[in-house]
Amino acid sequence: MSETPQANSARKALVLFSGGQDSTACLAWALERYAEVETIGFDYGQRHRVELDCRQTVRAELIARFPAWAPKLGEDHLLDLALLGQISSTALTEHRAIEMQANGLPNTFVPGRNLLFLTFAATLAYRRGASVLVGGMCETDFSGYPDCRDNTLKALQVALSLGLDAPMTVETPLMFITKAQTWALTESLGGAALNELIIEHTHTCYLGERTQRHAWGYGCGSCPACELRARGFQEFSETAS
């Protein structure tokens, strides 16, 4: 359970920041709560690598549009995890059709991805003096990835804290909310300006498509990530109207 913003005022957080909608929501959430916030991204050979190009733009726009958050936003870190892409055979790391597998998971699932991301993030957080890791994992509107589930991340939080011999909190503010509720969350944090920023500057499409702009942002419109985002935005718009 998250602490109040007042209780978090002296803590430092490291946000797993891909440049997508969910991680941008988490970055805004962390900036509202923590005294210092740094970001970390991962280049693992993803076919939608364009998301990495969006990261600095999103950070710059947050600084420009939200002066209360600007002093809290610290350094960004981009780690080269090319090895993950080399040992993976998925639709996120190879140019192949997105489809369901015999195990019930889509072939966009990159085994061990979030486990590695959080482990490397915790290692960096330890060195940077941060005690909180913030990630956009969710088990409500999601593709079924087992490393996005709450039980997985709670277990990993225990393992990281024991392995570092230092308390390491893993925060997942989107875990139990829908994509529609995520849009409502960002609106509550930064109003229409934050949602406009997310629509224009973030990237979530698995195929890396940024030539087609929709009401909810850029993307192919047909991959699982786009479908989730589009449905969530429609539900949010209908509720808000």
C-alpha atoms as a PDB file:
ATOM      1  CA  MET A   1       0.000   0.000   0.000  1.00  0.00           C
ATOM      2  CA  SER A   2       1.368   3.398  -0.979  1.00  0.00           C
ATOM      3  CA  GLU A   3       2.286   5.944   1.644  1.00  0.00           C
ATOM      4  CA  THR A   4       0.898   9.461   1.633  1.00  0.00           C
ATOM      5  CA  PRO A   5       2.718  12.158  -0.376  1.00  0.00           C
ATOM      6  CA  GLN A   6       3.758  13.763   2.933  1.00  0.00           C
ATOM      7  CA  ALA A   7       5.387  10.542   4.146  1.00  0.00           C
ATOM      8  CA  ASN A   8       7.268  10.235   0.864  1.00  0.00           C
ATOM      9  CA  SER A   9       8.554  13.815   0.843  1.00  0.00           C
ATOM     10  CA  ALA A  10      12.124  12.836   1.766  1.00  0.00           C
ATOM     11  CA  ARG A  11      12.433   9.657  -0.326  1.00  0.00           C
ATOM     12  CA  LYS A  12      14.070   9.228  -3.707  1.00  0.00           C
ATOM     13  CA  ALA A  13      12.466   7.188  -6.462  1.00  0.00           C
ATOM     14  CA  LEU A  14      13.717   5.598  -9.671  1.00  0.00           C
ATOM     15  CA  VAL A  15      11.037   5.227 -12.348  1.00  0.00           C
ATOM     16  CA  LEU A  16      11.221   2.541 -15.028  1.00  0.00           C
ATOM     17  CA  PHE A  17      10.538   4.873 -17.938  1.00  0.00           C
ATOM     18  CA  SER A  18      10.102   3.485 -21.446  1.00  0.00           C
ATOM     19  CA  GLY A  19       8.588   6.567 -23.050  1.00  0.00           C
ATOM     20  CA  GLY A  20       5.135   4.985 -23.212  1.00  0.00           C
ATOM     21  CA  GLN A  21       1.771   5.995 -21.767  1.00  0.00           C
ATOM     22  CA  ASP A  22       1.919   3.836 -18.656  1.00  0.00           C
ATOM     23  CA  SER A  23       5.465   4.726 -17.669  1.00  0.00           C
ATOM     24  CA  THR A  24       4.737   8.426 -18.225  1.00  0.00           C
ATOM     25  CA  ALA A  25       1.724   8.108 -15.928  1.00  0.00           C
ATOM     26  CA  CYS A  26       4.006   6.512 -13.340  1.00  0.00           C
ATOM     27  CA  LEU A  27       6.599   9.248 -13.755  1.00  0.00           C
ATOM     28  CA  ALA A  28       3.968  11.934 -13.113  1.00  0.00           C
ATOM     29  CA  TRP A  29       2.680   9.924 -10.136  1.00  0.00           C
ATOM     30  CA  ALA A  30       6.183   9.734  -8.672  1.00  0.00           C
ATOM     31  CA  LEU A  31       6.914  13.425  -9.266  1.00  0.00           C
ATOM     32  CA  GLU A  32       3.793  14.270  -7.285  1.00  0.00           C
ATOM     33  CA  ARG A  33       4.959  12.140  -4.333  1.00  0.00           C
ATOM     34  CA  TYR A  34       8.721  11.989  -4.018  1.00  0.00           C
ATOM     35  CA  ALA A  35      11.388  14.545  -3.235  1.00  0.00           C
ATOM     36  CA  GLU A  36      13.699  13.336  -5.993  1.00  0.00           C
ATOM     37  CA  VAL A  37      12.903  11.275  -9.056  1.00  0.00           C
ATOM     38  CA  GLU A  38      15.277   9.757 -11.589  1.00  0.00           C
ATOM     39  CA  THR A  39      14.393   7.676 -14.639  1.00  0.00           C
ATOM     40  CA  ILE A  40      15.807   4.525 -16.188  1.00  0.00           C
ATOM     41  CA  GLY A  41      15.204   3.026 -19.613  1.00  0.00           C
ATOM     42  CA  PHE A  42      16.370  -0.133 -21.351  1.00  0.00           C
ATOM     43  CA  ASP A  43      17.520  -0.759 -24.905  1.00  0.00           C
ATOM     44  CA  TYR A  44      17.024  -4.495 -25.418  1.00  0.00           C
ATOM     45  CA  GLY A  45      16.698  -4.631 -29.178  1.00  0.00           C
ATOM     46  CA  GLN A  46      12.957  -3.983 -29.161  1.00  0.00           C
ATOM     47  CA  ARG A  47      11.454  -3.547 -32.646  1.00  0.00           C
ATOM     48  CA  HIS A  48       9.552  -0.529 -31.325  1.00  0.00           C
ATOM     49  CA  ARG A  49      12.808   1.191 -30.408  1.00  0.00           C
ATOM     50  CA  VAL A  50      11.210   4.490 -31.375  1.00  0.00           C
ATOM     51  CA  GLU A  51       9.911   4.556 -27.786  1.00  0.00           C
ATOM     52  CA  LEU A  52      13.461   5.334 -26.658  1.00  0.00           C
ATOM     53  CA  ASP A  53      13.492   8.405 -28.902  1.00  0.00           C
ATOM     54  CA  CYS A  54      10.351   9.653 -27.130  1.00  0.00           C
ATOM     55  CA  ARG A  55      11.832   9.485 -23.627  1.00  0.00           C
ATOM     56  CA  GLN A  56      13.842  12.692 -23.683  1.00  0.00           C
ATOM     57  CA  THR A  57      11.029  14.600 -25.388  1.00  0.00           C
ATOM     58  CA  VAL A  58       8.568  13.524 -22.690  1.00  0.00           C
ATOM     59  CA  ARG A  59      11.005  14.501 -19.928  1.00  0.00           C
ATOM     60  CA  ALA A  60      11.609  17.908 -21.531  1.00  0.00           C
ATOM     61  CA  GLU A  61       7.878  18.526 -21.952  1.00  0.00           C
ATOM     62  CA  LEU A  62       7.197  17.618 -18.321  1.00  0.00           C
ATOM     63  CA  ILE A  63       9.850  20.092 -17.194  1.00  0.00           C
ATOM     64  CA  ALA A  64       8.478  22.823 -19.459  1.00  0.00           C
ATOM     65  CA  ARG A  65       4.801  22.342 -18.680  1.00  0.00           C
ATOM     66  CA  PHE A  66       4.909  21.470 -14.985  1.00  0.00           C
ATOM     67  CA  PRO A  67       7.276  23.820 -13.141  1.00  0.00           C
ATOM     68  CA  ALA A  68       6.389  22.326  -9.737  1.00  0.00           C
ATOM     69  CA  TRP A  69       7.785  18.971 -10.896  1.00  0.00           C
ATOM     70  CA  ALA A  70      10.811  20.292 -12.752  1.00  0.00           C
ATOM     71  CA  PRO A  71      13.146  20.643  -9.717  1.00  0.00           C
ATOM     72  CA  LYS A  72      12.366  17.077  -8.631  1.00  0.00           C
ATOM     73  CA  LEU A  73      13.239  15.436 -11.952  1.00  0.00           C
ATOM     74  CA  GLY A  74      16.824  14.289 -11.832  1.00  0.00           C
ATOM     75  CA  GLU A  75      19.092  12.262 -14.071  1.00  0.00           C
ATOM     76  CA  ASP A  76      18.049   9.812 -16.746  1.00  0.00           C
ATOM     77  CA  HIS A  77      19.815   6.492 -17.270  1.00  0.00           C
ATOM     78  CA  LEU A  78      19.645   4.297 -20.377  1.00  0.00           C
ATOM     79  CA  LEU A  79      21.028   0.769 -20.031  1.00  0.00           C
ATOM     80  CA  ASP A  80      22.136  -1.437 -22.896  1.00  0.00           C
ATOM     81  CA  LEU A  81      20.449  -4.809 -22.448  1.00  0.00           C
ATOM     82  CA  ALA A  82      21.042  -6.052 -25.979  1.00  0.00           C
ATOM     83  CA  LEU A  83      21.740  -9.511 -24.584  1.00  0.00           C
ATOM     84  CA  LEU A  84      18.048  -9.850 -23.668  1.00  0.00           C
ATOM     85  CA  GLY A  85      17.081  -9.313 -27.285  1.00  0.00           C
ATOM     86  CA  GLN A  86      19.728 -11.782 -28.422  1.00  0.00           C
ATOM     87  CA  ILE A  87      18.385 -14.607 -26.277  1.00  0.00           C
ATOM     88  CA  SER A  88      14.712 -13.810 -26.913  1.00  0.00           C
ATOM     89  CA  SER A  89      12.610 -15.033 -29.802  1.00  0.00           C
ATOM     90  CA  THR A  90       9.494 -12.890 -29.586  1.00  0.00           C
ATOM     91  CA  ALA A  91       7.383 -10.539 -31.667  1.00  0.00           C
ATOM     92  CA  LEU A  92       8.844  -7.634 -29.709  1.00  0.00           C
ATOM     93  CA  THR A  93      12.436  -8.462 -30.610  1.00  0.00           C
ATOM     94  CA  GLU A  94      11.989  -9.958 -34.085  1.00  0.00           C
ATOM     95  CA  HIS A  95       9.945  -8.912 -37.128  1.00  0.00           C
ATOM     96  CA  ARG A  96       7.220 -11.523 -37.003  1.00  0.00           C
ATOM     97  CA  ALA A  97       3.429 -11.574 -36.737  1.00  0.00           C
ATOM     98  CA  ILE A  98       1.870 -11.080 -33.335  1.00  0.00           C
ATOM     99  CA  GLU A  99      -0.110 -14.164 -32.345  1.00  0.00           C
ATOM    100  CA  MET A 100      -1.148 -16.293 -29.390  1.00  0.00           C
ATOM    101  CA  GLN A 101       1.035 -19.221 -28.353  1.00  0.00           C
ATOM    102  CA  ALA A 102       0.080 -22.686 -27.119  1.00  0.00           C
ATOM    103  CA  ASN A 103       0.772 -21.615 -23.506  1.00  0.00           C
ATOM    104  CA  GLY A 104      -1.958 -18.971 -23.682  1.00  0.00           C
ATOM    105  CA  LEU A 105       0.451 -16.030 -23.818  1.00  0.00           C
ATOM    106  CA  PRO A 106       0.952 -13.754 -26.832  1.00  0.00           C
ATOM    107  CA  ASN A 107       4.332 -14.036 -28.540  1.00  0.00           C
ATOM    108  CA  THR A 108       5.021 -10.444 -27.483  1.00  0.00           C
ATOM    109  CA  PHE A 109       5.920 -11.831 -24.057  1.00  0.00           C
ATOM    110  CA  VAL A 110       9.669 -11.395 -23.458  1.00  0.00           C
ATOM    111  CA  PRO A 111      10.529 -13.950 -20.728  1.00  0.00           C
ATOM    112  CA  GLY A 112      12.278 -12.427 -17.747  1.00  0.00           C
ATOM    113  CA  ARG A 113      12.086  -8.866 -19.062  1.00  0.00           C
ATOM    114  CA  ASN A 114      10.560  -7.182 -16.021  1.00  0.00           C
ATOM    115  CA  LEU A 115      12.573  -9.368 -13.660  1.00  0.00           C
ATOM    116  CA  LEU A 116      15.776  -8.144 -15.295  1.00  0.00           C
ATOM    117  CA  PHE A 117      14.554  -4.558 -15.569  1.00  0.00           C
ATOM    118  CA  LEU A 118      13.771  -4.332 -11.865  1.00  0.00           C
ATOM    119  CA  THR A 119      16.981  -6.084 -10.850  1.00  0.00           C
ATOM    120  CA  PHE A 120      19.124  -3.700 -12.858  1.00  0.00           C
ATOM    121  CA  ALA A 121      17.022  -0.772 -11.652  1.00  0.00           C
ATOM    122  CA  ALA A 122      17.499  -1.836  -8.034  1.00  0.00           C
ATOM    123  CA  THR A 123      21.252  -2.058  -8.570  1.00  0.00           C
ATOM    124  CA  LEU A 124      21.309   1.486  -9.928  1.00  0.00           C
ATOM    125  CA  ALA A 125      18.903   2.735  -7.241  1.00  0.00           C
ATOM    126  CA  TYR A 126      21.189   1.367  -4.531  1.00  0.00           C
ATOM    127  CA  ARG A 127      24.107   3.341  -5.951  1.00  0.00           C
ATOM    128  CA  ARG A 128      22.027   6.491  -6.479  1.00  0.00           C
ATOM    129  CA  GLY A 129      20.518   6.498  -2.979  1.00  0.00           C
ATOM    130  CA  ALA A 130      16.974   5.698  -4.088  1.00  0.00           C
ATOM    131  CA  SER A 131      14.790   3.355  -2.050  1.00  0.00           C
ATOM    132  CA  VAL A 132      11.734   3.202  -4.327  1.00  0.00           C
ATOM    133  CA  LEU A 133      11.323   1.637  -7.755  1.00  0.00           C
ATOM    134  CA  VAL A 134       8.235   2.663  -9.728  1.00  0.00           C
ATOM    135  CA  GLY A 135       6.935   0.592 -12.647  1.00  0.00           C
ATOM    136  CA  GLY A 136       3.879   0.626 -14.898  1.00  0.00           C
ATOM    137  CA  MET A 137       3.089  -3.086 -14.562  1.00  0.00           C
ATOM    138  CA  CYS A 138      -0.613  -3.874 -14.497  1.00  0.00           C
ATOM    139  CA  GLU A 139      -2.726  -7.006 -14.258  1.00  0.00           C
ATOM    140  CA  THR A 140      -6.087  -5.428 -15.103  1.00  0.00           C
ATOM    141  CA  ASP A 141      -5.990  -4.344 -18.768  1.00  0.00           C
ATOM    142  CA  PHE A 142      -2.931  -6.309 -19.877  1.00  0.00           C
ATOM    143  CA  SER A 143      -1.732  -9.055 -22.202  1.00  0.00           C
ATOM    144  CA  GLY A 144      -1.380 -11.687 -19.482  1.00  0.00           C
ATOM    145  CA  TYR A 145       2.361 -11.407 -18.945  1.00  0.00           C
ATOM    146  CA  PRO A 146       3.235 -13.277 -15.713  1.00  0.00           C
ATOM    147  CA  ASP A 147       5.994 -10.789 -14.822  1.00  0.00           C
ATOM    148  CA  CYS A 148       3.379  -8.011 -14.664  1.00  0.00           C
ATOM    149  CA  ARG A 149       1.371  -9.679 -11.905  1.00  0.00           C
ATOM    150  CA  ASP A 150       1.224  -8.340  -8.385  1.00  0.00           C
ATOM    151  CA  ASN A 151       2.395 -11.570  -6.752  1.00  0.00           C
ATOM    152  CA  THR A 152       5.477 -11.661  -8.977  1.00  0.00           C
ATOM    153  CA  LEU A 153       6.448  -8.118  -8.087  1.00  0.00           C
ATOM    154  CA  LYS A 154       5.801  -8.552  -4.372  1.00  0.00           C
ATOM    155  CA  ALA A 155       8.082 -11.585  -4.376  1.00  0.00           C
ATOM    156  CA  LEU A 156      10.719  -9.658  -6.310  1.00  0.00           C
ATOM    157  CA  GLN A 157      10.510  -6.764  -3.837  1.00  0.00           C
ATOM    158  CA  VAL A 158      11.371  -9.172  -1.018  1.00  0.00           C
ATOM    159  CA  ALA A 159      14.219 -10.732  -2.996  1.00  0.00           C
ATOM    160  CA  LEU A 160      15.714  -7.351  -3.934  1.00  0.00           C
ATOM    161  CA  SER A 161      15.535  -6.031  -0.375  1.00  0.00           C
ATOM    162  CA  LEU A 162      17.166  -9.185   0.982  1.00  0.00           C
ATOM    163  CA  GLY A 163      19.800  -9.324  -1.726  1.00  0.00           C
ATOM    164  CA  LEU A 164      20.802  -5.692  -1.236  1.00  0.00           C
ATOM    165  CA  ASP A 165      20.398  -5.816   2.539  1.00  0.00           C
ATOM    166  CA  ALA A 166      18.468  -2.575   2.196  1.00  0.00           C
ATOM    167  CA  PRO A 167      14.712  -1.911   1.956  1.00  0.00           C
ATOM    168  CA  MET A 168      13.686  -1.527  -1.675  1.00  0.00           C
ATOM    169  CA  THR A 169      10.032  -0.700  -2.306  1.00  0.00           C
ATOM    170  CA  VAL A 170       8.492  -1.641  -5.651  1.00  0.00           C
ATOM    171  CA  GLU A 171       5.551   0.653  -6.396  1.00  0.00           C
ATOM    172  CA  THR A 172       3.070  -0.228  -9.167  1.00  0.00           C
ATOM    173  CA  PRO A 173       0.402   2.498  -9.145  1.00  0.00           C
ATOM    174  CA  LEU A 174      -1.376   1.056 -12.203  1.00  0.00           C
ATOM    175  CA  MET A 175      -1.534  -2.547 -11.000  1.00  0.00           C
ATOM    176  CA  PHE A 176      -5.257  -2.733 -10.288  1.00  0.00           C
ATOM    177  CA  ILE A 177      -6.691  -0.024 -12.535  1.00  0.00           C
ATOM    178  CA  THR A 178      -7.926  -0.145 -16.117  1.00  0.00           C
ATOM    179  CA  LYS A 179      -6.510   1.857 -19.023  1.00  0.00           C
ATOM    180  CA  ALA A 180      -9.528   4.161 -18.739  1.00  0.00           C
ATOM    181  CA  GLN A 181      -8.686   4.736 -15.084  1.00  0.00           C
ATOM    182  CA  THR A 182      -5.077   5.403 -16.079  1.00  0.00           C
ATOM    183  CA  TRP A 183      -6.246   8.293 -18.262  1.00  0.00           C
ATOM    184  CA  ALA A 184      -8.310   9.537 -15.319  1.00  0.00           C
ATOM    185  CA  LEU A 185      -5.265   9.246 -13.058  1.00  0.00           C
ATOM    186  CA  THR A 186      -3.074  11.345 -15.326  1.00  0.00           C
ATOM    187  CA  GLU A 187      -5.836  13.916 -15.665  1.00  0.00           C
ATOM    188  CA  SER A 188      -6.052  14.129 -11.862  1.00  0.00           C
ATOM    189  CA  LEU A 189      -2.279  14.609 -11.671  1.00  0.00           C
ATOM    190  CA  GLY A 190      -1.730  17.125 -14.460  1.00  0.00           C
ATOM    191  CA  GLY A 191      -5.085  17.974 -15.983  1.00  0.00           C
ATOM    192  CA  ALA A 192      -5.764  18.097 -19.703  1.00  0.00           C
ATOM    193  CA  ALA A 193      -2.207  19.333 -20.287  1.00  0.00           C
ATOM    194  CA  LEU A 194      -0.718  16.044 -19.098  1.00  0.00           C
ATOM    195  CA  ASN A 195      -3.112  13.944 -21.160  1.00  0.00           C
ATOM    196  CA  GLU A 196      -2.325  16.061 -24.238  1.00  0.00           C
ATOM    197  CA  LEU A 197       1.376  15.503 -23.604  1.00  0.00           C
ATOM    198  CA  ILE A 198       0.803  11.751 -23.387  1.00  0.00           C
ATOM    199  CA  ILE A 199      -1.229  11.688 -26.597  1.00  0.00           C
ATOM    200  CA  GLU A 200       1.302  13.711 -28.579  1.00  0.00           C
ATOM    201  CA  HIS A 201       4.680  12.622 -27.254  1.00  0.00           C
ATOM    202  CA  THR A 202       4.571   9.105 -25.751  1.00  0.00           C
ATOM    203  CA  HIS A 203       4.835   5.836 -27.674  1.00  0.00           C
ATOM    204  CA  THR A 204       3.120   2.544 -26.822  1.00  0.00           C
ATOM    205  CA  CYS A 205       2.587   0.750 -30.177  1.00  0.00           C
ATOM    206  CA  TYR A 206       4.401  -2.602 -30.399  1.00  0.00           C
ATOM    207  CA  LEU A 207       5.169  -2.078 -34.093  1.00  0.00           C
ATOM    208  CA  GLY A 208       6.821   1.307 -33.613  1.00  0.00           C
ATOM    209  CA  GLU A 209       4.291   3.050 -35.861  1.00  0.00           C
ATOM    210  CA  ARG A 210       4.377   6.858 -35.497  1.00  0.00           C
ATOM    211  CA  THR A 211       2.906   8.052 -38.796  1.00  0.00           C
ATOM    212  CA  GLN A 212      -0.715   7.428 -37.796  1.00  0.00           C
ATOM    213  CA  ARG A 213      -2.140   9.757 -35.139  1.00  0.00           C
ATOM    214  CA  HIS A 214      -5.347   8.743 -33.403  1.00  0.00           C
ATOM    215  CA  ALA A 215      -7.401  10.462 -30.707  1.00  0.00           C
ATOM    216  CA  TRP A 216      -5.398   8.501 -28.122  1.00  0.00           C
ATOM    217  CA  GLY A 217      -1.964   8.970 -29.687  1.00  0.00           C
ATOM    218  CA  TYR A 218       0.308   7.478 -32.343  1.00  0.00           C
ATOM    219  CA  GLY A 219       0.273   3.821 -33.336  1.00  0.00           C
ATOM    220  CA  CYS A 220      -0.742   1.163 -35.823  1.00  0.00           C
ATOM    221  CA  GLY A 221      -4.144   0.869 -34.169  1.00  0.00           C
ATOM    222  CA  SER A 222      -4.282  -2.920 -34.414  1.00  0.00           C
ATOM    223  CA  CYS A 223      -1.570  -4.415 -32.189  1.00  0.00           C
ATOM    224  CA  PRO A 224      -2.555  -5.468 -28.640  1.00  0.00           C
ATOM    225  CA  ALA A 225      -0.950  -2.376 -27.088  1.00  0.00           C
ATOM    226  CA  CYS A 226      -2.823  -0.020 -29.404  1.00  0.00           C
ATOM    227  CA  GLU A 227      -6.106  -1.846 -28.904  1.00  0.00           C
ATOM    228  CA  LEU A 228      -5.814  -1.605 -25.116  1.00  0.00           C
ATOM    229  CA  ARG A 229      -4.898   2.073 -25.268  1.00  0.00           C
ATOM    230  CA  ALA A 230      -7.649   2.968 -27.751  1.00  0.00           C
ATOM    231  CA  ARG A 231     -10.341   1.112 -25.779  1.00  0.00           C
ATOM    232  CA  GLY A 232      -9.214   2.751 -22.538  1.00  0.00           C
ATOM    233  CA  PHE A 233      -9.258   6.219 -24.059  1.00  0.00           C
ATOM    234  CA  GLN A 234     -12.736   5.675 -25.486  1.00  0.00           C
ATOM    235  CA  GLU A 235     -14.066   4.498 -22.127  1.00  0.00           C
ATOM    236  CA  PHE A 236     -12.393   7.430 -20.374  1.00  0.00           C
ATOM    237  CA  SER A 237     -13.844   9.908 -22.907  1.00  0.00           C
ATOM    238  CA  GLU A 238     -17.341   8.477 -22.545  1.00  0.00           C
ATOM    239  CA  THR A 239     -17.136   8.713 -18.760  1.00  0.00           C
ATOM    240  CA  ALA A 240     -15.751  12.255 -18.828  1.00  0.00           C
ATOM    241  CA  SER A 241     -18.355  13.544 -21.293  1.00  0.00           C
END
